[in-house]
Amino acid sequence: MSEESEFEPQLLELRRGTVVLACLQLLRTPGYGYGLLEDLARHGFATDANTLYPLLRRLEKQGYLTSEWNTEEARPRKFYVTSVAGAKLAEVLLAEWAQLADAVESLNPTVEPKE
């Protein structure tokens, strides 16, 4: 068993919440599911469709995203955009992420804790 596969469940758990934040940030500009999958991958958030689409529906149901169908193209696409509540959530998550990063960094015995 490789070290990477041995740690995969923990790595997935660590990444899970970051995908929410990444989606909220990327969807400040309207986007559709497949395009968002590509954008996430390009930014280092490899995600599969079976994870992303339920996440988008959940964030929309919670009021953090809004959506509308674009039927002007040959294939209709549902475009999502971060709502005002979603932008506020992204700000809160970013602040929490920064605090957690500082806390984790302070655990490194070669680094002095920030005050």
PDB file of N, CA and C in Angstrom:
ATOM      1  N   MET A   1       0.854  -1.181   0.000  1.00  0.00           N
ATOM      2  CA  MET A   1       0.000   0.000   0.000  1.00  0.00           C
ATOM      3  C   MET A   1       0.896   1.240   0.000  1.00  0.00           C
ATOM      4  N   SER A   2       0.655   2.157  -0.926  1.00  0.00           N
ATOM      5  CA  SER A   2       1.476   3.363  -0.986  1.00  0.00           C
ATOM      6  C   SER A   2       1.070   4.323   0.130  1.00  0.00           C
ATOM      7  N   GLU A   3       2.003   5.200   0.464  1.00  0.00           N
ATOM      8  CA  GLU A   3       1.722   6.181   1.520  1.00  0.00           C
ATOM      9  C   GLU A   3       0.527   7.049   1.144  1.00  0.00           C
ATOM     10  N   GLU A   4       0.447   7.422  -0.163  1.00  0.00           N
ATOM     11  CA  GLU A   4      -0.659   8.272  -0.605  1.00  0.00           C
ATOM     12  C   GLU A   4      -2.003   7.572  -0.409  1.00  0.00           C
ATOM     13  N   SER A   5      -2.113   6.299  -0.812  1.00  0.00           N
ATOM     14  CA  SER A   5      -3.388   5.594  -0.663  1.00  0.00           C
ATOM     15  C   SER A   5      -3.686   5.298   0.799  1.00  0.00           C
ATOM     16  N   GLU A   6      -2.657   5.097   1.594  1.00  0.00           N
ATOM     17  CA  GLU A   6      -2.846   4.854   3.017  1.00  0.00           C
ATOM     18  C   GLU A   6      -3.512   6.045   3.703  1.00  0.00           C
ATOM     19  N   PHE A   7      -3.153   7.246   3.275  1.00  0.00           N
ATOM     20  CA  PHE A   7      -3.654   8.465   3.909  1.00  0.00           C
ATOM     21  C   PHE A   7      -4.845   9.079   3.169  1.00  0.00           C
ATOM     22  N   GLU A   8      -5.281   8.471   2.096  1.00  0.00           N
ATOM     23  CA  GLU A   8      -6.335   9.055   1.267  1.00  0.00           C
ATOM     24  C   GLU A   8      -7.607   9.407   2.038  1.00  0.00           C
ATOM     25  N   PRO A   9      -8.117   8.551   2.937  1.00  0.00           N
ATOM     26  CA  PRO A   9      -9.340   8.940   3.665  1.00  0.00           C
ATOM     27  C   PRO A   9      -9.168  10.229   4.475  1.00  0.00           C
ATOM     28  N   GLN A  10      -8.017  10.388   5.102  1.00  0.00           N
ATOM     29  CA  GLN A  10      -7.779  11.605   5.884  1.00  0.00           C
ATOM     30  C   GLN A  10      -7.594  12.813   4.979  1.00  0.00           C
ATOM     31  N   LEU A  11      -6.929  12.609   3.846  1.00  0.00           N
ATOM     32  CA  LEU A  11      -6.746  13.714   2.902  1.00  0.00           C
ATOM     33  C   LEU A  11      -8.089  14.161   2.331  1.00  0.00           C
ATOM     34  N   LEU A  12      -8.951  13.205   2.011  1.00  0.00           N
ATOM     35  CA  LEU A  12     -10.285  13.551   1.502  1.00  0.00           C
ATOM     36  C   LEU A  12     -11.076  14.331   2.537  1.00  0.00           C
ATOM     37  N   GLU A  13     -10.983  13.911   3.776  1.00  0.00           N
ATOM     38  CA  GLU A  13     -11.694  14.606   4.854  1.00  0.00           C
ATOM     39  C   GLU A  13     -11.198  16.037   5.001  1.00  0.00           C
ATOM     40  N   LEU A  14      -9.893  16.221   4.923  1.00  0.00           N
ATOM     41  CA  LEU A  14      -9.317  17.554   5.026  1.00  0.00           C
ATOM     42  C   LEU A  14      -9.773  18.449   3.874  1.00  0.00           C
ATOM     43  N   ARG A  15      -9.846  17.886   2.676  1.00  0.00           N
ATOM     44  CA  ARG A  15     -10.207  18.673   1.488  1.00  0.00           C
ATOM     45  C   ARG A  15     -11.698  18.968   1.375  1.00  0.00           C
ATOM     46  N   ARG A  16     -12.526  18.147   2.012  1.00  0.00           N
ATOM     47  CA  ARG A  16     -13.981  18.220   1.812  1.00  0.00           C
ATOM     48  C   ARG A  16     -14.533  19.632   2.018  1.00  0.00           C
ATOM     49  N   GLY A  17     -14.232  20.258   3.133  1.00  0.00           N
ATOM     50  CA  GLY A  17     -14.754  21.590   3.408  1.00  0.00           C
ATOM     51  C   GLY A  17     -14.171  22.674   2.513  1.00  0.00           C
ATOM     52  N   THR A  18     -12.970  22.426   2.005  1.00  0.00           N
ATOM     53  CA  THR A  18     -12.354  23.451   1.163  1.00  0.00           C
ATOM     54  C   THR A  18     -13.062  23.583  -0.176  1.00  0.00           C
ATOM     55  N   VAL A  19     -13.722  22.531  -0.624  1.00  0.00           N
ATOM     56  CA  VAL A  19     -14.441  22.591  -1.899  1.00  0.00           C
ATOM     57  C   VAL A  19     -15.623  23.553  -1.795  1.00  0.00           C
ATOM     58  N   VAL A  20     -16.280  23.604  -0.646  1.00  0.00           N
ATOM     59  CA  VAL A  20     -17.378  24.555  -0.447  1.00  0.00           C
ATOM     60  C   VAL A  20     -16.854  25.975  -0.621  1.00  0.00           C
ATOM     61  N   LEU A  21     -15.774  26.290   0.054  1.00  0.00           N
ATOM     62  CA  LEU A  21     -15.189  27.621  -0.042  1.00  0.00           C
ATOM     63  C   LEU A  21     -14.746  27.917  -1.474  1.00  0.00           C
ATOM     64  N   ALA A  22     -14.101  26.953  -2.115  1.00  0.00           N
ATOM     65  CA  ALA A  22     -13.650  27.152  -3.497  1.00  0.00           C
ATOM     66  C   ALA A  22     -14.830  27.436  -4.428  1.00  0.00           C
ATOM     67  N   CYS A  23     -15.926  26.704  -4.264  1.00  0.00           N
ATOM     68  CA  CYS A  23     -17.115  26.937  -5.103  1.00  0.00           C
ATOM     69  C   CYS A  23     -17.683  28.330  -4.879  1.00  0.00           C
ATOM     70  N   LEU A  24     -17.811  28.721  -3.626  1.00  0.00           N
ATOM     71  CA  LEU A  24     -18.353  30.052  -3.326  1.00  0.00           C
ATOM     72  C   LEU A  24     -17.473  31.141  -3.936  1.00  0.00           C
ATOM     73  N   GLN A  25     -16.169  30.955  -3.900  1.00  0.00           N
ATOM     74  CA  GLN A  25     -15.258  31.944  -4.471  1.00  0.00           C
ATOM     75  C   GLN A  25     -15.340  31.950  -5.998  1.00  0.00           C
ATOM     76  N   LEU A  26     -15.276  30.777  -6.617  1.00  0.00           N
ATOM     77  CA  LEU A  26     -15.293  30.703  -8.074  1.00  0.00           C
ATOM     78  C   LEU A  26     -16.630  31.152  -8.661  1.00  0.00           C
ATOM     79  N   LEU A  27     -17.724  30.904  -7.934  1.00  0.00           N
ATOM     80  CA  LEU A  27     -19.039  31.244  -8.476  1.00  0.00           C
ATOM     81  C   LEU A  27     -19.449  32.695  -8.193  1.00  0.00           C
ATOM     82  N   ARG A  28     -18.515  33.511  -7.771  1.00  0.00           N
ATOM     83  CA  ARG A  28     -18.789  34.954  -7.738  1.00  0.00           C
ATOM     84  C   ARG A  28     -19.017  35.434  -9.174  1.00  0.00           C
ATOM     85  N   THR A  29     -18.431  34.689 -10.104  1.00  0.00           N
ATOM     86  CA  THR A  29     -18.722  34.852 -11.534  1.00  0.00           C
ATOM     87  C   THR A  29     -19.596  33.667 -11.913  1.00  0.00           C
ATOM     88  N   PRO A  30     -20.764  33.895 -12.532  1.00  0.00           N
ATOM     89  CA  PRO A  30     -21.671  32.775 -12.832  1.00  0.00           C
ATOM     90  C   PRO A  30     -20.974  31.652 -13.600  1.00  0.00           C
ATOM     91  N   GLY A  31     -21.323  30.423 -13.235  1.00  0.00           N
ATOM     92  CA  GLY A  31     -20.752  29.265 -13.910  1.00  0.00           C
ATOM     93  C   GLY A  31     -21.692  28.081 -13.823  1.00  0.00           C
ATOM     94  N   TYR A  32     -21.452  27.099 -14.687  1.00  0.00           N
ATOM     95  CA  TYR A  32     -22.273  25.895 -14.695  1.00  0.00           C
ATOM     96  C   TYR A  32     -21.425  24.735 -14.200  1.00  0.00           C
ATOM     97  N   GLY A  33     -22.070  23.621 -13.892  1.00  0.00           N
ATOM     98  CA  GLY A  33     -21.429  22.504 -13.221  1.00  0.00           C
ATOM     99  C   GLY A  33     -20.146  22.007 -13.860  1.00  0.00           C
ATOM    100  N   TYR A  34     -20.200  21.645 -15.142  1.00  0.00           N
ATOM    101  CA  TYR A  34     -19.019  21.068 -15.774  1.00  0.00           C
ATOM    102  C   TYR A  34     -17.874  22.077 -15.826  1.00  0.00           C
ATOM    103  N   GLY A  35     -18.186  23.322 -16.141  1.00  0.00           N
ATOM    104  CA  GLY A  35     -17.160  24.362 -16.158  1.00  0.00           C
ATOM    105  C   GLY A  35     -16.550  24.552 -14.775  1.00  0.00           C
ATOM    106  N   LEU A  36     -17.379  24.445 -13.746  1.00  0.00           N
ATOM    107  CA  LEU A  36     -16.896  24.578 -12.379  1.00  0.00           C
ATOM    108  C   LEU A  36     -15.971  23.412 -12.025  1.00  0.00           C
ATOM    109  N   LEU A  37     -16.312  22.199 -12.474  1.00  0.00           N
ATOM    110  CA  LEU A  37     -15.427  21.051 -12.250  1.00  0.00           C
ATOM    111  C   LEU A  37     -14.047  21.326 -12.837  1.00  0.00           C
ATOM    112  N   GLU A  38     -14.014  21.874 -14.039  1.00  0.00           N
ATOM    113  CA  GLU A  38     -12.735  22.184 -14.691  1.00  0.00           C
ATOM    114  C   GLU A  38     -11.986  23.275 -13.927  1.00  0.00           C
ATOM    115  N   ASP A  39     -12.703  24.322 -13.508  1.00  0.00           N
ATOM    116  CA  ASP A  39     -12.069  25.412 -12.755  1.00  0.00           C
ATOM    117  C   ASP A  39     -11.501  24.908 -11.432  1.00  0.00           C
ATOM    118  N   LEU A  40     -12.269  24.077 -10.744  1.00  0.00           N
ATOM    119  CA  LEU A  40     -11.802  23.524  -9.473  1.00  0.00           C
ATOM    120  C   LEU A  40     -10.512  22.724  -9.683  1.00  0.00           C
ATOM    121  N   ALA A  41     -10.510  21.870 -10.704  1.00  0.00           N
ATOM    122  CA  ALA A  41      -9.323  21.049 -10.987  1.00  0.00           C
ATOM    123  C   ALA A  41      -8.123  21.931 -11.326  1.00  0.00           C
ATOM    124  N   ARG A  42      -8.351  22.957 -12.115  1.00  0.00           N
ATOM    125  CA  ARG A  42      -7.269  23.865 -12.510  1.00  0.00           C
ATOM    126  C   ARG A  42      -6.653  24.562 -11.296  1.00  0.00           C
ATOM    127  N   HIS A  43      -7.458  24.789 -10.274  1.00  0.00           N
ATOM    128  CA  HIS A  43      -6.981  25.456  -9.066  1.00  0.00           C
ATOM    129  C   HIS A  43      -6.522  24.469  -7.986  1.00  0.00           C
ATOM    130  N   GLY A  44      -6.507  23.163  -8.309  1.00  0.00           N
ATOM    131  CA  GLY A  44      -6.001  22.171  -7.370  1.00  0.00           C
ATOM    132  C   GLY A  44      -7.047  21.532  -6.480  1.00  0.00           C
ATOM    133  N   PHE A  45      -8.328  21.680  -6.822  1.00  0.00           N
ATOM    134  CA  PHE A  45      -9.410  21.078  -6.045  1.00  0.00           C
ATOM    135  C   PHE A  45     -10.063  19.975  -6.873  1.00  0.00           C
ATOM    136  N   ALA A  46      -9.353  18.892  -7.096  1.00  0.00           N
ATOM    137  CA  ALA A  46      -9.898  17.794  -7.894  1.00  0.00           C
ATOM    138  C   ALA A  46     -11.166  17.271  -7.224  1.00  0.00           C
ATOM    139  N   THR A  47     -12.264  17.322  -7.945  1.00  0.00           N
ATOM    140  CA  THR A  47     -13.575  16.936  -7.426  1.00  0.00           C
ATOM    141  C   THR A  47     -14.297  16.170  -8.518  1.00  0.00           C
ATOM    142  N   ASP A  48     -15.097  15.187  -8.157  1.00  0.00           N
ATOM    143  CA  ASP A  48     -15.860  14.501  -9.196  1.00  0.00           C
ATOM    144  C   ASP A  48     -17.297  15.005  -9.211  1.00  0.00           C
ATOM    145  N   ALA A  49     -17.954  14.746 -10.317  1.00  0.00           N
ATOM    146  CA  ALA A  49     -19.320  15.242 -10.521  1.00  0.00           C
ATOM    147  C   ALA A  49     -20.276  14.709  -9.461  1.00  0.00           C
ATOM    148  N   ASN A  50     -20.068  13.478  -9.010  1.00  0.00           N
ATOM    149  CA  ASN A  50     -20.955  12.894  -7.996  1.00  0.00           C
ATOM    150  C   ASN A  50     -20.847  13.597  -6.649  1.00  0.00           C
ATOM    151  N   THR A  51     -19.798  14.344  -6.455  1.00  0.00           N
ATOM    152  CA  THR A  51     -19.638  15.153  -5.248  1.00  0.00           C
ATOM    153  C   THR A  51     -20.132  16.571  -5.489  1.00  0.00           C
ATOM    154  N   LEU A  52     -19.786  17.123  -6.645  1.00  0.00           N
ATOM    155  CA  LEU A  52     -20.065  18.535  -6.911  1.00  0.00           C
ATOM    156  C   LEU A  52     -21.554  18.837  -7.066  1.00  0.00           C
ATOM    157  N   TYR A  53     -22.272  18.084  -7.870  1.00  0.00           N
ATOM    158  CA  TYR A  53     -23.664  18.439  -8.146  1.00  0.00           C
ATOM    159  C   TYR A  53     -24.553  18.407  -6.898  1.00  0.00           C
ATOM    160  N   PRO A  54     -24.438  17.394  -6.042  1.00  0.00           N
ATOM    161  CA  PRO A  54     -25.211  17.451  -4.786  1.00  0.00           C
ATOM    162  C   PRO A  54     -24.798  18.642  -3.912  1.00  0.00           C
ATOM    163  N   LEU A  55     -23.504  18.975  -3.913  1.00  0.00           N
ATOM    164  CA  LEU A  55     -23.027  20.131  -3.154  1.00  0.00           C
ATOM    165  C   LEU A  55     -23.665  21.420  -3.673  1.00  0.00           C
ATOM    166  N   LEU A  56     -23.720  21.580  -4.993  1.00  0.00           N
ATOM    167  CA  LEU A  56     -24.336  22.785  -5.570  1.00  0.00           C
ATOM    168  C   LEU A  56     -25.810  22.873  -5.192  1.00  0.00           C
ATOM    169  N   ARG A  57     -26.515  21.754  -5.263  1.00  0.00           N
ATOM    170  CA  ARG A  57     -27.942  21.753  -4.894  1.00  0.00           C
ATOM    171  C   ARG A  57     -28.126  22.106  -3.424  1.00  0.00           C
ATOM    172  N   ARG A  58     -27.247  21.553  -2.570  1.00  0.00           N
ATOM    173  CA  ARG A  58     -27.346  21.837  -1.138  1.00  0.00           C
ATOM    174  C   ARG A  58     -27.057  23.312  -0.850  1.00  0.00           C
ATOM    175  N   LEU A  59     -26.022  23.861  -1.459  1.00  0.00           N
ATOM    176  CA  LEU A  59     -25.698  25.279  -1.241  1.00  0.00           C
ATOM    177  C   LEU A  59     -26.812  26.186  -1.751  1.00  0.00           C
ATOM    178  N   GLU A  60     -27.447  25.788  -2.846  1.00  0.00           N
ATOM    179  CA  GLU A  60     -28.578  26.575  -3.359  1.00  0.00           C
ATOM    180  C   GLU A  60     -29.762  26.490  -2.387  1.00  0.00           C
ATOM    181  N   LYS A  61     -30.063  25.301  -1.913  1.00  0.00           N
ATOM    182  CA  LYS A  61     -31.172  25.119  -0.973  1.00  0.00           C
ATOM    183  C   LYS A  61     -30.939  25.922   0.308  1.00  0.00           C
ATOM    184  N   GLN A  62     -29.683  26.024   0.728  1.00  0.00           N
ATOM    185  CA  GLN A  62     -29.335  26.773   1.932  1.00  0.00           C
ATOM    186  C   GLN A  62     -29.276  28.286   1.685  1.00  0.00           C
ATOM    187  N   GLY A  63     -29.412  28.716   0.427  1.00  0.00           N
ATOM    188  CA  GLY A  63     -29.425  30.138   0.109  1.00  0.00           C
ATOM    189  C   GLY A  63     -28.066  30.749  -0.172  1.00  0.00           C
ATOM    190  N   TYR A  64     -27.023  29.914  -0.302  1.00  0.00           N
ATOM    191  CA  TYR A  64     -25.680  30.437  -0.539  1.00  0.00           C
ATOM    192  C   TYR A  64     -25.357  30.575  -2.028  1.00  0.00           C
ATOM    193  N   LEU A  65     -26.167  29.944  -2.864  1.00  0.00           N
ATOM    194  CA  LEU A  65     -26.062  30.080  -4.317  1.00  0.00           C
ATOM    195  C   LEU A  65     -27.444  30.350  -4.877  1.00  0.00           C
ATOM    196  N   THR A  66     -27.496  31.027  -5.998  1.00  0.00           N
ATOM    197  CA  THR A  66     -28.727  31.135  -6.770  1.00  0.00           C
ATOM    198  C   THR A  66     -28.434  30.532  -8.134  1.00  0.00           C
ATOM    199  N   SER A  67     -29.481  30.204  -8.871  1.00  0.00           N
ATOM    200  CA  SER A  67     -29.261  29.604 -10.188  1.00  0.00           C
ATOM    201  C   SER A  67     -30.343  30.042 -11.155  1.00  0.00           C
ATOM    202  N   GLU A  68     -30.010  29.902 -12.424  1.00  0.00           N
ATOM    203  CA  GLU A  68     -31.013  30.074 -13.476  1.00  0.00           C
ATOM    204  C   GLU A  68     -30.555  29.289 -14.694  1.00  0.00           C
ATOM    205  N   TRP A  69     -31.536  28.864 -15.461  1.00  0.00           N
ATOM    206  CA  TRP A  69     -31.251  28.084 -16.656  1.00  0.00           C
ATOM    207  C   TRP A  69     -30.961  29.005 -17.819  1.00  0.00           C
ATOM    208  N   ASN A  70     -29.925  28.680 -18.575  1.00  0.00           N
ATOM    209  CA  ASN A  70     -29.637  29.364 -19.830  1.00  0.00           C
ATOM    210  C   ASN A  70     -30.071  28.416 -20.939  1.00  0.00           C
ATOM    211  N   THR A  71     -31.127  28.798 -21.650  1.00  0.00           N
ATOM    212  CA  THR A  71     -31.665  27.945 -22.715  1.00  0.00           C
ATOM    213  C   THR A  71     -31.353  28.501 -24.088  1.00  0.00           C
ATOM    214  N   GLU A  72     -30.474  29.489 -24.159  1.00  0.00           N
ATOM    215  CA  GLU A  72     -30.137  30.114 -25.441  1.00  0.00           C
ATOM    216  C   GLU A  72     -29.192  29.259 -26.275  1.00  0.00           C
ATOM    217  N   GLU A  73     -28.456  28.367 -25.642  1.00  0.00           N
ATOM    218  CA  GLU A  73     -27.531  27.509 -26.370  1.00  0.00           C
ATOM    219  C   GLU A  73     -28.244  26.218 -26.759  1.00  0.00           C
ATOM    220  N   ALA A  74     -27.573  25.402 -27.579  1.00  0.00           N
ATOM    221  CA  ALA A  74     -28.176  24.141 -28.038  1.00  0.00           C
ATOM    222  C   ALA A  74     -28.527  23.234 -26.863  1.00  0.00           C
ATOM    223  N   ARG A  75     -27.669  23.233 -25.845  1.00  0.00           N
ATOM    224  CA  ARG A  75     -27.911  22.412 -24.662  1.00  0.00           C
ATOM    225  C   ARG A  75     -28.164  23.325 -23.473  1.00  0.00           C
ATOM    226  N   PRO A  76     -29.339  23.260 -22.864  1.00  0.00           N
ATOM    227  CA  PRO A  76     -29.602  24.113 -21.693  1.00  0.00           C
ATOM    228  C   PRO A  76     -28.617  23.817 -20.565  1.00  0.00           C
ATOM    229  N   ARG A  77     -28.197  24.871 -19.888  1.00  0.00           N
ATOM    230  CA  ARG A  77     -27.267  24.731 -18.765  1.00  0.00           C
ATOM    231  C   ARG A  77     -27.781  25.533 -17.589  1.00  0.00           C
ATOM    232  N   LYS A  78     -27.619  24.965 -16.417  1.00  0.00           N
ATOM    233  CA  LYS A  78     -27.998  25.656 -15.191  1.00  0.00           C
ATOM    234  C   LYS A  78     -26.763  26.403 -14.680  1.00  0.00           C
ATOM    235  N   PHE A  79     -26.877  27.718 -14.630  1.00  0.00           N
ATOM    236  CA  PHE A  79     -25.783  28.559 -14.156  1.00  0.00           C
ATOM    237  C   PHE A  79     -26.024  28.921 -12.695  1.00  0.00           C
ATOM    238  N   TYR A  80     -24.958  28.837 -11.924  1.00  0.00           N
ATOM    239  CA  TYR A  80     -24.991  29.165 -10.500  1.00  0.00           C
ATOM    240  C   TYR A  80     -24.187  30.433 -10.266  1.00  0.00           C
ATOM    241  N   VAL A  81     -24.582  31.168  -9.237  1.00  0.00           N
ATOM    242  CA  VAL A  81     -23.818  32.342  -8.815  1.00  0.00           C
ATOM    243  C   VAL A  81     -23.934  32.442  -7.291  1.00  0.00           C
ATOM    244  N   THR A  82     -22.848  32.890  -6.674  1.00  0.00           N
ATOM    245  CA  THR A  82     -22.830  33.069  -5.228  1.00  0.00           C
ATOM    246  C   THR A  82     -23.793  34.178  -4.840  1.00  0.00           C
ATOM    247  N   SER A  83     -24.652  33.917  -3.867  1.00  0.00           N
ATOM    248  CA  SER A  83     -25.603  34.922  -3.375  1.00  0.00           C
ATOM    249  C   SER A  83     -24.900  35.851  -2.387  1.00  0.00           C
ATOM    250  N   VAL A  84     -25.616  36.859  -1.929  1.00  0.00           N
ATOM    251  CA  VAL A  84     -25.078  37.754  -0.898  1.00  0.00           C
ATOM    252  C   VAL A  84     -24.744  36.955   0.359  1.00  0.00           C
ATOM    253  N   ALA A  85     -25.652  36.041   0.748  1.00  0.00           N
ATOM    254  CA  ALA A  85     -25.393  35.196   1.912  1.00  0.00           C
ATOM    255  C   ALA A  85     -24.178  34.297   1.672  1.00  0.00           C
ATOM    256  N   GLY A  86     -24.016  33.812   0.448  1.00  0.00           N
ATOM    257  CA  GLY A  86     -22.871  32.968   0.114  1.00  0.00           C
ATOM    258  C   GLY A  86     -21.559  33.733   0.169  1.00  0.00           C
ATOM    259  N   ALA A  87     -21.589  34.996  -0.266  1.00  0.00           N
ATOM    260  CA  ALA A  87     -20.386  35.829  -0.192  1.00  0.00           C
ATOM    261  C   ALA A  87     -19.995  36.071   1.261  1.00  0.00           C
ATOM    262  N   LYS A  88     -20.999  36.282   2.115  1.00  0.00           N
ATOM    263  CA  LYS A  88     -20.730  36.465   3.543  1.00  0.00           C
ATOM    264  C   LYS A  88     -20.164  35.179   4.150  1.00  0.00           C
ATOM    265  N   LEU A  89     -20.753  34.046   3.785  1.00  0.00           N
ATOM    266  CA  LEU A  89     -20.238  32.757   4.261  1.00  0.00           C
ATOM    267  C   LEU A  89     -18.789  32.577   3.817  1.00  0.00           C
ATOM    268  N   ALA A  90     -18.472  32.912   2.572  1.00  0.00           N
ATOM    269  CA  ALA A  90     -17.097  32.785   2.076  1.00  0.00           C
ATOM    270  C   ALA A  90     -16.142  33.637   2.900  1.00  0.00           C
ATOM    271  N   GLU A  91     -16.553  34.845   3.252  1.00  0.00           N
ATOM    272  CA  GLU A  91     -15.711  35.707   4.092  1.00  0.00           C
ATOM    273  C   GLU A  91     -15.437  35.055   5.446  1.00  0.00           C
ATOM    274  N   VAL A  92     -16.485  34.504   6.048  1.00  0.00           N
ATOM    275  CA  VAL A  92     -16.350  33.853   7.357  1.00  0.00           C
ATOM    276  C   VAL A  92     -15.440  32.624   7.240  1.00  0.00           C
ATOM    277  N   LEU A  93     -15.642  31.826   6.194  1.00  0.00           N
ATOM    278  CA  LEU A  93     -14.817  30.638   6.003  1.00  0.00           C
ATOM    279  C   LEU A  93     -13.352  30.999   5.756  1.00  0.00           C
ATOM    280  N   LEU A  94     -13.124  32.060   4.980  1.00  0.00           N
ATOM    281  CA  LEU A  94     -11.746  32.503   4.732  1.00  0.00           C
ATOM    282  C   LEU A  94     -11.064  32.948   6.021  1.00  0.00           C
ATOM    283  N   ALA A  95     -11.781  33.671   6.849  1.00  0.00           N
ATOM    284  CA  ALA A  95     -11.223  34.128   8.123  1.00  0.00           C
ATOM    285  C   ALA A  95     -10.907  32.923   9.015  1.00  0.00           C
ATOM    286  N   GLU A  96     -11.818  31.971   9.061  1.00  0.00           N
ATOM    287  CA  GLU A  96     -11.599  30.766   9.859  1.00  0.00           C
ATOM    288  C   GLU A  96     -10.410  29.979   9.317  1.00  0.00           C
ATOM    289  N   TRP A  97     -10.326  29.881   7.987  1.00  0.00           N
ATOM    290  CA  TRP A  97      -9.205  29.178   7.354  1.00  0.00           C
ATOM    291  C   TRP A  97      -7.873  29.810   7.771  1.00  0.00           C
ATOM    292  N   ALA A  98      -7.809  31.138   7.767  1.00  0.00           N
ATOM    293  CA  ALA A  98      -6.582  31.833   8.158  1.00  0.00           C
ATOM    294  C   ALA A  98      -6.227  31.535   9.612  1.00  0.00           C
ATOM    295  N   GLN A  99      -7.227  31.535  10.495  1.00  0.00           N
ATOM    296  CA  GLN A  99      -6.972  31.224  11.903  1.00  0.00           C
ATOM    297  C   GLN A  99      -6.497  29.785  12.084  1.00  0.00           C
ATOM    298  N   LEU A 100      -7.121  28.868  11.356  1.00  0.00           N
ATOM    299  CA  LEU A 100      -6.711  27.464  11.442  1.00  0.00           C
ATOM    300  C   LEU A 100      -5.295  27.263  10.897  1.00  0.00           C
ATOM    301  N   ALA A 101      -4.984  27.942   9.802  1.00  0.00           N
ATOM    302  CA  ALA A 101      -3.635  27.835   9.237  1.00  0.00           C
ATOM    303  C   ALA A 101      -2.600  28.326  10.248  1.00  0.00           C
ATOM    304  N   ASP A 102      -2.890  29.437  10.918  1.00  0.00           N
ATOM    305  CA  ASP A 102      -1.983  29.944  11.954  1.00  0.00           C
ATOM    306  C   ASP A 102      -1.858  28.943  13.107  1.00  0.00           C
ATOM    307  N   ALA A 103      -2.981  28.355  13.500  1.00  0.00           N
ATOM    308  CA  ALA A 103      -2.964  27.394  14.608  1.00  0.00           C
ATOM    309  C   ALA A 103      -2.147  26.158  14.238  1.00  0.00           C
ATOM    310  N   VAL A 104      -2.341  25.656  13.029  1.00  0.00           N
ATOM    311  CA  VAL A 104      -1.580  24.481  12.587  1.00  0.00           C
ATOM    312  C   VAL A 104      -0.098  24.824  12.496  1.00  0.00           C
ATOM    313  N   GLU A 105       0.210  25.994  11.970  1.00  0.00           N
ATOM    314  CA  GLU A 105       1.605  26.425  11.876  1.00  0.00           C
ATOM    315  C   GLU A 105       2.248  26.514  13.258  1.00  0.00           C
ATOM    316  N   SER A 106       1.479  26.932  14.254  1.00  0.00           N
ATOM    317  CA  SER A 106       2.025  27.055  15.607  1.00  0.00           C
ATOM    318  C   SER A 106       2.359  25.695  16.223  1.00  0.00           C
ATOM    319  N   LEU A 107       1.819  24.629  15.654  1.00  0.00           N
ATOM    320  CA  LEU A 107       2.112  23.283  16.147  1.00  0.00           C
ATOM    321  C   LEU A 107       3.487  22.796  15.710  1.00  0.00           C
ATOM    322  N   ASN A 108       4.041  23.425  14.692  1.00  0.00           N
ATOM    323  CA  ASN A 108       5.359  23.063  14.192  1.00  0.00           C
ATOM    324  C   ASN A 108       6.395  23.480  15.229  1.00  0.00           C
ATOM    325  N   PRO A 109       7.155  22.540  15.752  1.00  0.00           N
ATOM    326  CA  PRO A 109       8.091  22.876  16.836  1.00  0.00           C
ATOM    327  C   PRO A 109       9.197  23.852  16.424  1.00  0.00           C
ATOM    328  N   THR A 110       9.396  24.050  15.127  1.00  0.00           N
ATOM    329  CA  THR A 110      10.453  24.981  14.701  1.00  0.00           C
ATOM    330  C   THR A 110       9.929  26.383  14.467  1.00  0.00           C
ATOM    331  N   VAL A 111       8.635  26.591  14.668  1.00  0.00           N
ATOM    332  CA  VAL A 111       8.024  27.900  14.428  1.00  0.00           C
ATOM    333  C   VAL A 111       7.528  28.464  15.732  1.00  0.00           C
ATOM    334  N   GLU A 112       7.823  29.723  15.972  1.00  0.00           N
ATOM    335  CA  GLU A 112       7.322  30.406  17.174  1.00  0.00           C
ATOM    336  C   GLU A 112       5.849  30.732  16.979  1.00  0.00           C
ATOM    337  N   PRO A 113       4.982  30.487  17.958  1.00  0.00           N
ATOM    338  CA  PRO A 113       3.552  30.827  17.853  1.00  0.00           C
ATOM    339  C   PRO A 113       3.354  32.327  17.648  1.00  0.00           C
ATOM    340  N   LYS A 114       2.357  32.663  16.825  1.00  0.00           N
ATOM    341  CA  LYS A 114       1.990  34.076  16.624  1.00  0.00           C
ATOM    342  C   LYS A 114       1.149  34.539  17.786  1.00  0.00           C
ATOM    343  N   GLU A 115       1.315  35.804  18.155  1.00  0.00           N
ATOM    344  CA  GLU A 115       0.524  36.342  19.266  1.00  0.00           C
ATOM    345  C   GLU A 115      -0.580  37.213  18.760  1.00  0.00           C
TER     346      GLU A 115
END
